[in-house]
C-alpha atoms as a PDB file:
ATOM      1  CA  MET A   1      88.669 107.177 115.584  1.00  0.00           C
ATOM      2  CA  PRO A   2      89.829 110.199 113.572  1.00  0.00           C
ATOM      3  CA  LEU A   3      93.476 110.945 114.179  1.00  0.00           C
ATOM      4  CA  ALA A   4      93.719 114.045 112.001  1.00  0.00           C
ATOM      5  CA  TRP A   5      91.844 116.006 109.443  1.00  0.00           C
ATOM      6  CA  GLN A   6      92.488 119.121 107.482  1.00  0.00           C
ATOM      7  CA  LEU A   7      90.192 121.105 105.249  1.00  0.00           C
ATOM      8  CA  LEU A   8      91.820 121.381 101.846  1.00  0.00           C
ATOM      9  CA  GLU A   9      90.266 124.080  99.722  1.00  0.00           C
ATOM     10  CA  HIS A  10      91.079 123.691  96.058  1.00  0.00           C
ATOM     11  CA  SER A  11      89.314 123.699  92.730  1.00  0.00           C
ATOM     12  CA  SER A  12      89.943 120.048  91.879  1.00  0.00           C
ATOM     13  CA  SER A  13      88.870 116.759  93.432  1.00  0.00           C
ATOM     14  CA  THR A  14      92.491 115.615  93.130  1.00  0.00           C
ATOM     15  CA  VAL A  15      94.573 116.156  96.260  1.00  0.00           C
ATOM     16  CA  SER A  16      98.253 116.975  95.753  1.00  0.00           C
ATOM     17  CA  MET A  17     101.020 115.287  97.711  1.00  0.00           C
ATOM     18  CA  LYS A  18     102.134 118.737  98.846  1.00  0.00           C
ATOM     19  CA  ASP A  19      98.804 119.096 100.669  1.00  0.00           C
ATOM     20  CA  ILE A  20      98.345 115.584 102.046  1.00  0.00           C
ATOM     21  CA  HIS A  21     101.944 114.642 102.936  1.00  0.00           C
ATOM     22  CA  PRO A  22     102.134 116.784 106.131  1.00  0.00           C
ATOM     23  CA  VAL A  23      98.873 115.293 107.423  1.00  0.00           C
ATOM     24  CA  LEU A  24     100.012 111.719 106.770  1.00  0.00           C
ATOM     25  CA  ALA A  25     103.477 112.394 108.210  1.00  0.00           C
ATOM     26  CA  SER A  26     101.957 113.707 111.450  1.00  0.00           C
ATOM     27  CA  ILE A  27      99.714 110.632 111.726  1.00  0.00           C
ATOM     28  CA  HIS A  28     102.671 108.333 111.068  1.00  0.00           C
ATOM     29  CA  SER A  29     104.718 110.131 113.723  1.00  0.00           C
ATOM     30  CA  PHE A  30     101.873 109.923 116.237  1.00  0.00           C
ATOM     31  CA  LEU A  31     101.323 106.222 115.604  1.00  0.00           C
ATOM     32  CA  SER A  32     105.040 105.454 115.950  1.00  0.00           C
ATOM     33  CA  HIS A  33     104.779 106.530 119.606  1.00  0.00           C
ATOM     34  CA  LEU A  34     101.923 104.170 120.406  1.00  0.00           C
ATOM     35  CA  PRO A  35     102.600 100.656 121.642  1.00  0.00           C
ATOM     36  CA  GLU A  36     101.375  97.707 119.641  1.00  0.00           C
ATOM     37  CA  VAL A  37      99.649  99.318 116.683  1.00  0.00           C
ATOM     38  CA  GLU A  38      98.964  96.159 114.696  1.00  0.00           C
ATOM     39  CA  GLU A  39      97.664  97.478 111.389  1.00  0.00           C
ATOM     40  CA  VAL A  40      96.768 100.806 109.888  1.00  0.00           C
ATOM     41  CA  TYR A  41      94.272 100.976 107.040  1.00  0.00           C
ATOM     42  CA  PHE A  42      94.179 103.933 104.666  1.00  0.00           C
ATOM     43  CA  ARG A  43      91.074 104.299 102.482  1.00  0.00           C
ATOM     44  CA  ALA A  44      90.613 107.108 100.035  1.00  0.00           C
ATOM     45  CA  ASP A  45      88.519 108.274  97.109  1.00  0.00           C
ATOM     46  CA  ARG A  46      89.610 108.867  93.499  1.00  0.00           C
ATOM     47  CA  GLY A  47      91.145 112.250  94.290  1.00  0.00           C
ATOM     48  CA  PHE A  48      93.913 110.440  96.165  1.00  0.00           C
ATOM     49  CA  MET A  49      94.834 108.117  93.276  1.00  0.00           C
ATOM     50  CA  ASP A  50      98.496 109.104  93.117  1.00  0.00           C
ATOM     51  CA  GLN A  51     101.581 106.894  92.769  1.00  0.00           C
ATOM     52  CA  LYS A  52     103.642 108.973  95.210  1.00  0.00           C
ATOM     53  CA  LEU A  53     100.874 108.775  97.791  1.00  0.00           C
ATOM     54  CA  MET A  54     100.569 104.999  97.347  1.00  0.00           C
ATOM     55  CA  ALA A  55     104.337 104.629  97.713  1.00  0.00           C
ATOM     56  CA  LEU A  56     104.397 106.809 100.851  1.00  0.00           C
ATOM     57  CA  VAL A  57     101.544 104.973 102.562  1.00  0.00           C
ATOM     58  CA  SER A  58     103.143 101.636 101.626  1.00  0.00           C
ATOM     59  CA  ALA A  59     106.497 102.837 103.033  1.00  0.00           C
ATOM     60  CA  TYR A  60     104.710 103.578 106.314  1.00  0.00           C
ATOM     61  CA  GLY A  61     103.653  99.918 106.354  1.00  0.00           C
ATOM     62  CA  TRP A  62      99.960 100.759 106.076  1.00  0.00           C
ATOM     63  CA  LYS A  63      97.450  98.745 104.086  1.00  0.00           C
ATOM     64  CA  TRP A  64      95.579 100.904 101.616  1.00  0.00           C
ATOM     65  CA  VAL A  65      92.571 100.747  99.332  1.00  0.00           C
ATOM     66  CA  ILE A  66      91.965 103.676  97.000  1.00  0.00           C
ATOM     67  CA  ARG A  67      89.061 104.062  94.636  1.00  0.00           C
ATOM     68  CA  GLY A  68      90.521 104.085  91.168  1.00  0.00           C
ATOM     69  CA  LYS A  69      89.773 105.806  87.919  1.00  0.00           C
ATOM     70  CA  GLY A  70      88.533 103.843  84.925  1.00  0.00           C
ATOM     71  CA  GLN A  71      91.056 105.312  82.502  1.00  0.00           C
ATOM     72  CA  VAL A  72      94.142 104.076  84.405  1.00  0.00           C
ATOM     73  CA  LEU A  73      96.283 101.660  82.387  1.00  0.00           C
ATOM     74  CA  VAL A  74      96.851  98.100  83.676  1.00  0.00           C
ATOM     75  CA  TYR A  75      99.793  95.776  82.931  1.00  0.00           C
ATOM     76  CA  ASP A  76     100.370  92.165  83.938  1.00  0.00           C
ATOM     77  CA  ALA A  77     103.488  90.971  85.798  1.00  0.00           C
ATOM     78  CA  GLN A  78     105.319  90.410  82.500  1.00  0.00           C
ATOM     79  CA  GLY A  79     104.669  93.989  81.377  1.00  0.00           C
ATOM     80  CA  LYS A  80     101.960  93.131  78.845  1.00  0.00           C
ATOM     81  CA  ALA A  81      99.360  95.884  78.511  1.00  0.00           C
ATOM     82  CA  LEU A  82      95.902  94.703  79.572  1.00  0.00           C
ATOM     83  CA  GLY A  83      94.196  97.975  78.655  1.00  0.00           C
ATOM     84  CA  LYS A  84      92.440 100.467  80.864  1.00  0.00           C
ATOM     85  CA  VAL A  85      90.886  99.539  84.200  1.00  0.00           C
ATOM     86  CA  ARG A  86      87.424 100.105  82.701  1.00  0.00           C
ATOM     87  CA  GLU A  87      88.153  97.448  80.077  1.00  0.00           C
ATOM     88  CA  GLN A  88      88.674  94.809  82.797  1.00  0.00           C
ATOM     89  CA  LEU A  89      84.963  94.689  83.612  1.00  0.00           C
ATOM     90  CA  SER A  90      82.964  91.676  82.617  1.00  0.00           C
ATOM     91  CA  GLN A  91      79.219  91.928  83.168  1.00  0.00           C
ATOM     92  CA  HIS A  92      76.973  93.789  85.583  1.00  0.00           C
ATOM     93  CA  GLY A  93      77.081  92.105  88.958  1.00  0.00           C
ATOM     94  CA  GLN A  94      80.336  90.214  88.446  1.00  0.00           C
ATOM     95  CA  GLN A  95      83.393  91.309  90.368  1.00  0.00           C
ATOM     96  CA  VAL A  96      86.729  91.135  88.568  1.00  0.00           C
ATOM     97  CA  VAL A  97      89.927  90.846  90.641  1.00  0.00           C
ATOM     98  CA  LEU A  98      93.461  91.159  89.300  1.00  0.00           C
ATOM     99  CA  ASN A  99      96.270  90.632  91.806  1.00  0.00           C
ATOM    100  CA  ASP A 100      99.944  91.390  91.152  1.00  0.00           C
ATOM    101  CA  VAL A 101      99.358  93.858  88.336  1.00  0.00           C
ATOM    102  CA  TYR A 102     100.928  97.213  87.546  1.00  0.00           C
ATOM    103  CA  ILE A 103      99.116 100.470  86.853  1.00  0.00           C
ATOM    104  CA  THR A 104      99.786 103.692  84.959  1.00  0.00           C
ATOM    105  CA  ALA A 105     102.254 104.230  82.144  1.00  0.00           C
ATOM    106  CA  ASP A 106     105.003 104.181  84.819  1.00  0.00           C
ATOM    107  CA  ARG A 107     103.921 100.631  85.729  1.00  0.00           C
ATOM    108  CA  TYR A 108     103.498 101.274  89.452  1.00  0.00           C
ATOM    109  CA  GLY A 109     103.106  98.144  91.509  1.00  0.00           C
ATOM    110  CA  PRO A 110     102.627  95.402  92.037  1.00  0.00           C
ATOM    111  CA  VAL A 111      99.112  96.235  93.204  1.00  0.00           C
ATOM    112  CA  SER A 112      95.784  94.494  93.305  1.00  0.00           C
ATOM    113  CA  LEU A 113      92.814  95.768  91.385  1.00  0.00           C
ATOM    114  CA  ALA A 114      89.118  95.017  91.682  1.00  0.00           C
ATOM    115  CA  ALA A 115      86.319  96.191  89.412  1.00  0.00           C
ATOM    116  CA  TYR A 116      82.592  95.869  89.970  1.00  0.00           C
ATOM    117  CA  HIS A 117      79.526  97.228  88.228  1.00  0.00           C
ATOM    118  CA  ALA A 118      76.562  96.655  90.506  1.00  0.00           C
ATOM    119  CA  PRO A 119      73.265  95.857  88.791  1.00  0.00           C
ATOM    120  CA  GLY A 120      71.397  99.109  88.222  1.00  0.00           C
ATOM    121  CA  ALA A 121      74.373 101.272  89.188  1.00  0.00           C
ATOM    122  CA  ARG A 122      75.134 104.233  86.977  1.00  0.00           C
ATOM    123  CA  GLU A 123      78.866 103.631  86.915  1.00  0.00           C
ATOM    124  CA  PRO A 124      81.277 100.862  87.894  1.00  0.00           C
ATOM    125  CA  TRP A 125      83.586 100.923  90.887  1.00  0.00           C
ATOM    126  CA  PHE A 126      87.312 100.309  90.722  1.00  0.00           C
ATOM    127  CA  VAL A 127      89.624  99.952  93.700  1.00  0.00           C
ATOM    128  CA  VAL A 128      93.394  99.564  93.847  1.00  0.00           C
ATOM    129  CA  SER A 129      95.156  98.110  96.870  1.00  0.00           C
ATOM    130  CA  ASN A 130      98.587  97.162  98.147  1.00  0.00           C
ATOM    131  CA  HIS A 131      97.237  93.890  99.534  1.00  0.00           C
ATOM    132  CA  PRO A 132      95.459  91.088  97.675  1.00  0.00           C
ATOM    133  CA  CYS A 133      91.868  91.822  96.703  1.00  0.00           C
ATOM    134  CA  GLY A 134      89.306  89.191  97.432  1.00  0.00           C
ATOM    135  CA  PRO A 135      85.507  88.983  97.386  1.00  0.00           C
ATOM    136  CA  GLY A 136      85.199  91.367 100.355  1.00  0.00           C
ATOM    137  CA  ILE A 137      87.336  94.190  99.012  1.00  0.00           C
ATOM    138  CA  PHE A 138      84.382  96.470  98.226  1.00  0.00           C
ATOM    139  CA  ASP A 139      82.953  95.901 101.721  1.00  0.00           C
ATOM    140  CA  GLU A 140      86.377  96.815 103.099  1.00  0.00           C
ATOM    141  CA  TYR A 141      86.464  99.975 101.004  1.00  0.00           C
ATOM    142  CA  ALA A 142      82.884 100.849 102.019  1.00  0.00           C
ATOM    143  CA  GLU A 143      84.029 101.257 105.629  1.00  0.00           C
ATOM    144  CA  ARG A 144      85.252 104.632 104.417  1.00  0.00           C
ATOM    145  CA  PHE A 145      81.652 105.844 104.295  1.00  0.00           C
ATOM    146  CA  GLN A 146      81.154 105.138 108.007  1.00  0.00           C
ATOM    147  CA  ILE A 147      84.251 107.201 108.712  1.00  0.00           C
ATOM    148  CA  GLU A 148      82.872 110.102 106.671  1.00  0.00           C
ATOM    149  CA  ALA A 149      79.554 109.937 108.537  1.00  0.00           C
ATOM    150  CA  GLY A 150      81.484 110.033 111.801  1.00  0.00           C
ATOM    151  CA  PHE A 151      83.406 113.098 110.656  1.00  0.00           C
ATOM    152  CA  LYS A 152      80.142 114.819 109.799  1.00  0.00           C
ATOM    153  CA  ASP A 153      78.810 114.075 113.286  1.00  0.00           C
ATOM    154  CA  LEU A 154      81.949 115.458 114.906  1.00  0.00           C
ATOM    155  CA  LYS A 155      82.132 118.525 112.709  1.00  0.00           C
ATOM    156  CA  SER A 156      78.660 119.847 112.089  1.00  0.00           C
ATOM    157  CA  ALA A 157      75.874 117.438 112.956  1.00  0.00           C
ATOM    158  CA  GLY A 158      75.819 118.007 116.665  1.00  0.00           C
ATOM    159  CA  PHE A 159      79.261 118.251 118.252  1.00  0.00           C
ATOM    160  CA  ASP A 160      80.557 121.233 116.220  1.00  0.00           C
ATOM    161  CA  LEU A 161      84.117 120.153 117.035  1.00  0.00           C
ATOM    162  CA  GLU A 162      85.632 122.728 114.690  1.00  0.00           C
ATOM    163  CA  ALA A 163      84.214 125.556 116.815  1.00  0.00           C
ATOM    164  CA  LEU A 164      86.079 124.387 119.931  1.00  0.00           C
ATOM    165  CA  THR A 165      89.253 126.171 120.950  1.00  0.00           C
ATOM    166  CA  ALA A 166      92.042 124.724 123.060  1.00  0.00           C
END
């Protein structure tokens, strides 16, 4: 069920904290007034790959999975550089999971990372999460696509929700 959305018009696919923070804060406030909210899951595409965003969503107590970028640096728990996320891939069709690692030059974490290059796919997928990644992490992330289809239905594919006035 969509709790909030906001059209963000900008020239980049990267979303700034200045734009997304008010939306997330209003959702967090709304949820804090509901009884027995067990878990909140935040899923986002590469444009939301931001340390401050990950820290904020973690501070809210939400589980998150964000599609990562292949050029992000990865470090093990001892601080040893493992290279870029893209370099963690093995072969087409084999999922690679690294739990309790740190990302970016600032060594943000610990986080979990999963990489997968599906057979025949043009490019590999990388996801970063604040909870351990297992074999089903890409299925978990893929739930995001159902949410986007639902938004399309609500917005323009029949209900035209944006045209309604209160």
